[in-house]
Amino acid sequence: MKWFLKVLQQYSDFDGRARRKEFWIFMLFNWMFGAVASTLDIVLGFSWGFFFLLNGLYSIVLFIPSLAVAVRRLHDIGKSGWMLLILLIPVVGGIWMLVLLLREGNSFENEYGPNPKGGIFF
């Protein structure tokens, strides 16, 4: 949960690096809270077809933090945040982005900042 809160504290911080653990734990909690919001939408009758009120609001609120942590994650592997645009390529873009996001970050300082793990051996 601390990683989720860390990302929220860095709401619009697109600078620096985010390690894999920070990114994927944020995504896990994001998915879980989104599932809860969708379930509440259905139970409370706030769903109309594919439109879910609470989940839609939740998604809007967390769009910028999700984008920021993804950019910082790409910075960790030495890539520019603009690489997110690769997602615009159907199928192949999503697969390539997944590969990039799963890669281990640079163990050394890169142009985006120091290693977020704090050292080479951690």
N, C-alpha and C. Protein backbone atom coordinates (compact mmCIF):
# COMPACT_ATOMS: atom_id res chain seq x y z
N MET A 1 0.82 -1.20 0.00
CA MET A 1 0.00 0.00 0.00
C MET A 1 0.87 1.27 0.00
N LYS A 2 2.07 1.17 0.61
CA LYS A 2 2.93 2.35 0.67
C LYS A 2 3.34 2.80 -0.73
N TRP A 3 3.49 1.85 -1.67
CA TRP A 3 3.87 2.22 -3.03
C TRP A 3 2.73 2.95 -3.73
N PHE A 4 1.51 2.55 -3.46
CA PHE A 4 0.35 3.22 -4.04
C PHE A 4 0.29 4.66 -3.53
N LEU A 5 0.47 4.82 -2.24
CA LEU A 5 0.45 6.16 -1.64
C LEU A 5 1.63 7.00 -2.11
N LYS A 6 2.78 6.38 -2.32
CA LYS A 6 3.95 7.11 -2.83
C LYS A 6 3.66 7.70 -4.20
N VAL A 7 3.03 6.91 -5.06
CA VAL A 7 2.68 7.40 -6.40
C VAL A 7 1.68 8.55 -6.29
N LEU A 8 0.71 8.43 -5.39
CA LEU A 8 -0.27 9.50 -5.23
C LEU A 8 0.39 10.78 -4.70
N GLN A 9 1.41 10.63 -3.84
CA GLN A 9 2.12 11.80 -3.33
C GLN A 9 2.91 12.49 -4.45
N GLN A 10 3.37 11.71 -5.40
CA GLN A 10 4.09 12.26 -6.55
C GLN A 10 3.11 12.41 -7.72
N TYR A 11 1.95 12.96 -7.44
CA TYR A 11 0.81 13.02 -8.35
C TYR A 11 1.18 13.39 -9.78
N SER A 12 1.92 14.46 -9.95
CA SER A 12 2.23 14.90 -11.32
C SER A 12 3.74 15.04 -11.52
N ASP A 13 4.51 14.21 -10.85
CA ASP A 13 5.96 14.25 -10.96
C ASP A 13 6.40 13.30 -12.08
N PHE A 14 6.78 13.89 -13.21
CA PHE A 14 7.21 13.11 -14.35
C PHE A 14 8.74 13.00 -14.41
N ASP A 15 9.41 13.54 -13.42
CA ASP A 15 10.88 13.50 -13.37
C ASP A 15 11.33 12.37 -12.46
N GLY A 16 12.51 11.87 -12.73
CA GLY A 16 13.08 10.84 -11.88
C GLY A 16 12.77 9.45 -12.39
N ARG A 17 12.94 8.51 -11.49
CA ARG A 17 12.80 7.10 -11.86
C ARG A 17 11.89 6.37 -10.88
N ALA A 18 11.22 5.35 -11.36
CA ALA A 18 10.38 4.49 -10.51
C ALA A 18 10.80 3.05 -10.75
N ARG A 19 11.08 2.35 -9.69
CA ARG A 19 11.48 0.96 -9.83
C ARG A 19 10.30 0.08 -10.19
N ARG A 20 10.57 -1.14 -10.60
CA ARG A 20 9.51 -2.07 -11.01
C ARG A 20 8.51 -2.30 -9.89
N LYS A 21 9.00 -2.49 -8.69
CA LYS A 21 8.13 -2.78 -7.55
C LYS A 21 7.12 -1.66 -7.36
N GLU A 22 7.59 -0.42 -7.40
CA GLU A 22 6.69 0.73 -7.24
C GLU A 22 5.61 0.72 -8.32
N PHE A 23 6.01 0.53 -9.56
CA PHE A 23 5.07 0.56 -10.68
C PHE A 23 4.04 -0.56 -10.59
N TRP A 24 4.51 -1.79 -10.43
CA TRP A 24 3.59 -2.93 -10.48
C TRP A 24 2.70 -3.03 -9.25
N ILE A 25 3.19 -2.65 -8.08
CA ILE A 25 2.31 -2.66 -6.90
C ILE A 25 1.27 -1.55 -7.03
N PHE A 26 1.66 -0.39 -7.56
CA PHE A 26 0.68 0.66 -7.84
C PHE A 26 -0.38 0.13 -8.80
N MET A 27 0.03 -0.54 -9.87
CA MET A 27 -0.93 -1.06 -10.84
C MET A 27 -1.85 -2.12 -10.22
N LEU A 28 -1.31 -2.96 -9.35
CA LEU A 28 -2.12 -3.97 -8.68
C LEU A 28 -3.21 -3.32 -7.83
N PHE A 29 -2.82 -2.36 -6.99
CA PHE A 29 -3.81 -1.67 -6.15
C PHE A 29 -4.78 -0.86 -7.01
N ASN A 30 -4.29 -0.27 -8.07
CA ASN A 30 -5.14 0.49 -8.97
C ASN A 30 -6.21 -0.42 -9.57
N TRP A 31 -5.81 -1.61 -10.01
CA TRP A 31 -6.75 -2.57 -10.56
C TRP A 31 -7.75 -3.03 -9.49
N MET A 32 -7.28 -3.30 -8.28
CA MET A 32 -8.18 -3.76 -7.21
C MET A 32 -9.19 -2.67 -6.85
N PHE A 33 -8.75 -1.43 -6.69
CA PHE A 33 -9.68 -0.35 -6.36
C PHE A 33 -10.65 -0.09 -7.50
N GLY A 34 -10.18 -0.24 -8.74
CA GLY A 34 -11.06 -0.10 -9.90
C GLY A 34 -12.12 -1.20 -9.92
N ALA A 35 -11.73 -2.42 -9.57
CA ALA A 35 -12.69 -3.53 -9.52
C ALA A 35 -13.74 -3.29 -8.43
N VAL A 36 -13.30 -2.77 -7.29
CA VAL A 36 -14.24 -2.45 -6.20
C VAL A 36 -15.20 -1.36 -6.66
N ALA A 37 -14.68 -0.33 -7.33
CA ALA A 37 -15.52 0.76 -7.81
C ALA A 37 -16.54 0.24 -8.83
N SER A 38 -16.12 -0.66 -9.72
CA SER A 38 -17.04 -1.24 -10.70
C SER A 38 -18.11 -2.07 -10.01
N THR A 39 -17.71 -2.84 -9.01
CA THR A 39 -18.67 -3.65 -8.27
C THR A 39 -19.69 -2.77 -7.55
N LEU A 40 -19.21 -1.70 -6.94
CA LEU A 40 -20.13 -0.76 -6.28
C LEU A 40 -21.07 -0.11 -7.29
N ASP A 41 -20.55 0.19 -8.47
CA ASP A 41 -21.40 0.74 -9.53
C ASP A 41 -22.56 -0.20 -9.84
N ILE A 42 -22.25 -1.48 -9.96
CA ILE A 42 -23.28 -2.47 -10.30
C ILE A 42 -24.26 -2.64 -9.14
N VAL A 43 -23.73 -2.77 -7.93
CA VAL A 43 -24.58 -2.99 -6.75
C VAL A 43 -25.49 -1.79 -6.49
N LEU A 44 -24.95 -0.59 -6.65
CA LEU A 44 -25.73 0.62 -6.37
C LEU A 44 -26.55 1.09 -7.57
N GLY A 45 -26.41 0.39 -8.69
CA GLY A 45 -27.19 0.76 -9.87
C GLY A 45 -26.66 1.95 -10.62
N PHE A 46 -25.35 2.22 -10.48
CA PHE A 46 -24.74 3.36 -11.18
C PHE A 46 -24.14 2.97 -12.52
N SER A 47 -24.42 1.76 -12.99
CA SER A 47 -23.85 1.33 -14.28
C SER A 47 -24.92 1.38 -15.35
N TRP A 48 -24.53 1.94 -16.49
CA TRP A 48 -25.42 2.04 -17.64
C TRP A 48 -24.67 1.50 -18.84
N GLY A 49 -24.90 0.23 -19.15
CA GLY A 49 -24.18 -0.40 -20.25
C GLY A 49 -22.70 -0.52 -19.90
N PHE A 50 -21.87 0.09 -20.71
CA PHE A 50 -20.43 0.05 -20.47
C PHE A 50 -19.95 1.24 -19.64
N PHE A 51 -20.84 2.12 -19.24
CA PHE A 51 -20.46 3.30 -18.46
C PHE A 51 -20.66 3.02 -16.98
N PHE A 52 -19.61 3.15 -16.22
CA PHE A 52 -19.65 2.96 -14.77
C PHE A 52 -19.29 4.29 -14.12
N LEU A 53 -20.17 4.84 -13.34
CA LEU A 53 -19.98 6.17 -12.75
C LEU A 53 -18.78 6.23 -11.80
N LEU A 54 -18.78 5.41 -10.76
CA LEU A 54 -17.71 5.47 -9.76
C LEU A 54 -16.37 5.06 -10.37
N ASN A 55 -16.37 4.01 -11.17
CA ASN A 55 -15.12 3.58 -11.80
C ASN A 55 -14.64 4.63 -12.79
N GLY A 56 -15.54 5.26 -13.49
CA GLY A 56 -15.16 6.33 -14.41
C GLY A 56 -14.52 7.50 -13.68
N LEU A 57 -15.11 7.91 -12.57
CA LEU A 57 -14.54 9.00 -11.77
C LEU A 57 -13.17 8.60 -11.21
N TYR A 58 -13.09 7.38 -10.72
CA TYR A 58 -11.83 6.87 -10.18
C TYR A 58 -10.74 6.89 -11.26
N SER A 59 -11.09 6.45 -12.46
CA SER A 59 -10.13 6.42 -13.57
C SER A 59 -9.67 7.82 -13.95
N ILE A 60 -10.58 8.77 -13.95
CA ILE A 60 -10.21 10.15 -14.28
C ILE A 60 -9.25 10.72 -13.24
N VAL A 61 -9.54 10.46 -11.97
CA VAL A 61 -8.71 10.99 -10.89
C VAL A 61 -7.30 10.39 -10.94
N LEU A 62 -7.18 9.10 -11.28
CA LEU A 62 -5.87 8.45 -11.26
C LEU A 62 -5.18 8.43 -12.62
N PHE A 63 -5.72 9.11 -13.61
CA PHE A 63 -5.09 9.12 -14.94
C PHE A 63 -3.69 9.74 -14.89
N ILE A 64 -3.58 10.94 -14.32
CA ILE A 64 -2.28 11.63 -14.27
C ILE A 64 -1.27 10.87 -13.42
N PRO A 65 -1.62 10.39 -12.20
CA PRO A 65 -0.62 9.62 -11.45
C PRO A 65 -0.18 8.34 -12.18
N SER A 66 -1.10 7.69 -12.87
CA SER A 66 -0.75 6.48 -13.62
C SER A 66 0.21 6.81 -14.76
N LEU A 67 -0.06 7.89 -15.44
CA LEU A 67 0.80 8.33 -16.53
C LEU A 67 2.19 8.71 -15.99
N ALA A 68 2.21 9.43 -14.87
CA ALA A 68 3.48 9.87 -14.27
C ALA A 68 4.33 8.68 -13.84
N VAL A 69 3.74 7.69 -13.19
CA VAL A 69 4.53 6.54 -12.74
C VAL A 69 5.00 5.71 -13.93
N ALA A 70 4.23 5.65 -15.00
CA ALA A 70 4.66 4.93 -16.20
C ALA A 70 5.86 5.64 -16.84
N VAL A 71 5.83 6.96 -16.89
CA VAL A 71 6.95 7.72 -17.45
C VAL A 71 8.18 7.52 -16.58
N ARG A 72 8.02 7.59 -15.26
CA ARG A 72 9.16 7.37 -14.37
C ARG A 72 9.71 5.95 -14.50
N ARG A 73 8.81 4.99 -14.73
CA ARG A 73 9.26 3.59 -14.93
C ARG A 73 10.09 3.49 -16.20
N LEU A 74 9.67 4.14 -17.27
CA LEU A 74 10.45 4.14 -18.50
C LEU A 74 11.79 4.83 -18.29
N HIS A 75 11.80 5.89 -17.50
CA HIS A 75 13.06 6.56 -17.18
C HIS A 75 14.02 5.60 -16.47
N ASP A 76 13.49 4.70 -15.66
CA ASP A 76 14.33 3.77 -14.92
C ASP A 76 15.10 2.84 -15.84
N ILE A 77 14.55 2.56 -17.01
CA ILE A 77 15.26 1.69 -17.96
C ILE A 77 15.98 2.50 -19.02
N GLY A 78 16.03 3.82 -18.83
CA GLY A 78 16.78 4.69 -19.73
C GLY A 78 16.02 5.13 -20.96
N LYS A 79 14.70 4.99 -20.96
CA LYS A 79 13.88 5.39 -22.10
C LYS A 79 13.13 6.67 -21.79
N SER A 80 12.80 7.40 -22.83
CA SER A 80 12.03 8.63 -22.69
C SER A 80 10.57 8.29 -22.41
N GLY A 81 9.89 9.18 -21.72
CA GLY A 81 8.46 8.99 -21.47
C GLY A 81 7.64 9.00 -22.74
N TRP A 82 8.18 9.59 -23.79
CA TRP A 82 7.48 9.61 -25.08
C TRP A 82 7.30 8.20 -25.65
N MET A 83 8.05 7.23 -25.12
CA MET A 83 7.90 5.84 -25.57
C MET A 83 6.50 5.31 -25.31
N LEU A 84 5.76 5.97 -24.42
CA LEU A 84 4.37 5.54 -24.17
C LEU A 84 3.52 5.63 -25.44
N LEU A 85 3.93 6.48 -26.36
CA LEU A 85 3.19 6.61 -27.61
C LEU A 85 3.21 5.33 -28.44
N ILE A 86 4.12 4.42 -28.10
CA ILE A 86 4.16 3.15 -28.81
C ILE A 86 2.87 2.36 -28.59
N LEU A 87 2.14 2.71 -27.53
CA LEU A 87 0.86 2.05 -27.26
C LEU A 87 -0.17 2.34 -28.34
N LEU A 88 0.07 3.34 -29.16
CA LEU A 88 -0.86 3.66 -30.25
C LEU A 88 -0.79 2.65 -31.39
N ILE A 89 0.26 1.83 -31.40
CA ILE A 89 0.37 0.78 -32.41
C ILE A 89 -0.44 -0.42 -31.91
N PRO A 90 -1.48 -0.82 -32.64
CA PRO A 90 -2.33 -1.92 -32.18
C PRO A 90 -1.53 -3.21 -31.94
N VAL A 91 -1.88 -3.90 -30.90
CA VAL A 91 -1.35 -5.19 -30.46
C VAL A 91 0.16 -5.14 -30.18
N VAL A 92 0.97 -4.90 -31.19
CA VAL A 92 2.42 -4.93 -31.05
C VAL A 92 2.88 -3.87 -30.05
N GLY A 93 2.27 -2.70 -30.07
CA GLY A 93 2.65 -1.63 -29.15
C GLY A 93 2.43 -2.02 -27.70
N GLY A 94 1.30 -2.67 -27.41
CA GLY A 94 1.01 -3.11 -26.05
C GLY A 94 1.97 -4.18 -25.57
N ILE A 95 2.31 -5.10 -26.48
CA ILE A 95 3.25 -6.17 -26.12
C ILE A 95 4.64 -5.58 -25.85
N TRP A 96 5.07 -4.68 -26.73
CA TRP A 96 6.39 -4.06 -26.56
C TRP A 96 6.45 -3.24 -25.27
N MET A 97 5.37 -2.50 -24.97
CA MET A 97 5.35 -1.71 -23.74
C MET A 97 5.42 -2.62 -22.52
N LEU A 98 4.71 -3.73 -22.55
CA LEU A 98 4.76 -4.69 -21.44
C LEU A 98 6.19 -5.19 -21.24
N VAL A 99 6.88 -5.51 -22.33
CA VAL A 99 8.27 -5.96 -22.25
C VAL A 99 9.14 -4.88 -21.61
N LEU A 100 8.95 -3.63 -22.04
CA LEU A 100 9.74 -2.53 -21.47
C LEU A 100 9.46 -2.35 -19.98
N LEU A 101 8.19 -2.41 -19.60
CA LEU A 101 7.83 -2.18 -18.20
C LEU A 101 8.27 -3.32 -17.29
N LEU A 102 8.48 -4.50 -17.85
CA LEU A 102 8.93 -5.64 -17.06
C LEU A 102 10.45 -5.72 -16.92
N ARG A 103 11.17 -4.95 -17.74
CA ARG A 103 12.64 -4.98 -17.68
C ARG A 103 13.15 -4.41 -16.36
N GLU A 104 14.28 -4.96 -15.94
CA GLU A 104 14.94 -4.42 -14.74
C GLU A 104 15.54 -3.07 -15.08
N GLY A 105 15.47 -2.15 -14.14
CA GLY A 105 16.01 -0.82 -14.35
C GLY A 105 17.52 -0.81 -14.38
N ASN A 106 18.07 0.28 -14.88
CA ASN A 106 19.52 0.44 -14.90
C ASN A 106 20.05 0.47 -13.47
N SER A 107 21.11 -0.28 -13.22
CA SER A 107 21.66 -0.34 -11.86
C SER A 107 22.60 0.82 -11.58
N PHE A 108 22.73 1.70 -12.55
CA PHE A 108 23.61 2.85 -12.40
C PHE A 108 22.79 4.12 -12.61
N GLU A 109 23.39 5.23 -12.30
CA GLU A 109 22.72 6.51 -12.53
C GLU A 109 22.63 6.74 -14.04
N ASN A 110 21.45 7.16 -14.49
CA ASN A 110 21.30 7.48 -15.90
C ASN A 110 20.89 8.95 -16.03
N GLU A 111 20.55 9.38 -17.22
CA GLU A 111 20.23 10.79 -17.44
C GLU A 111 18.99 11.25 -16.68
N TYR A 112 18.21 10.32 -16.15
CA TYR A 112 16.98 10.67 -15.44
C TYR A 112 17.14 10.68 -13.93
N GLY A 113 18.30 10.29 -13.45
CA GLY A 113 18.54 10.34 -12.02
C GLY A 113 19.25 9.11 -11.50
N PRO A 114 19.46 9.07 -10.17
CA PRO A 114 20.15 7.92 -9.56
C PRO A 114 19.25 6.70 -9.51
N ASN A 115 19.87 5.58 -9.27
CA ASN A 115 19.15 4.31 -9.14
C ASN A 115 18.17 4.41 -7.97
N PRO A 116 16.86 4.18 -8.19
CA PRO A 116 15.90 4.30 -7.09
C PRO A 116 16.05 3.21 -6.02
N LYS A 117 16.76 2.15 -6.34
CA LYS A 117 16.99 1.11 -5.33
C LYS A 117 18.04 1.54 -4.32
N GLY A 118 18.78 2.58 -4.62
CA GLY A 118 19.75 3.11 -3.69
C GLY A 118 21.15 2.58 -3.87
N GLY A 119 21.34 1.55 -4.62
CA GLY A 119 22.68 1.02 -4.83
C GLY A 119 22.64 -0.10 -5.84
N ILE A 120 23.79 -0.53 -6.24
CA ILE A 120 23.89 -1.56 -7.26
C ILE A 120 23.46 -2.93 -6.71
N PHE A 121 23.73 -3.18 -5.46
CA PHE A 121 23.53 -4.53 -4.92
C PHE A 121 22.21 -4.74 -4.22
N PHE A 122 21.27 -3.82 -4.33
CA PHE A 122 20.00 -3.97 -3.61
C PHE A 122 18.89 -4.24 -4.54
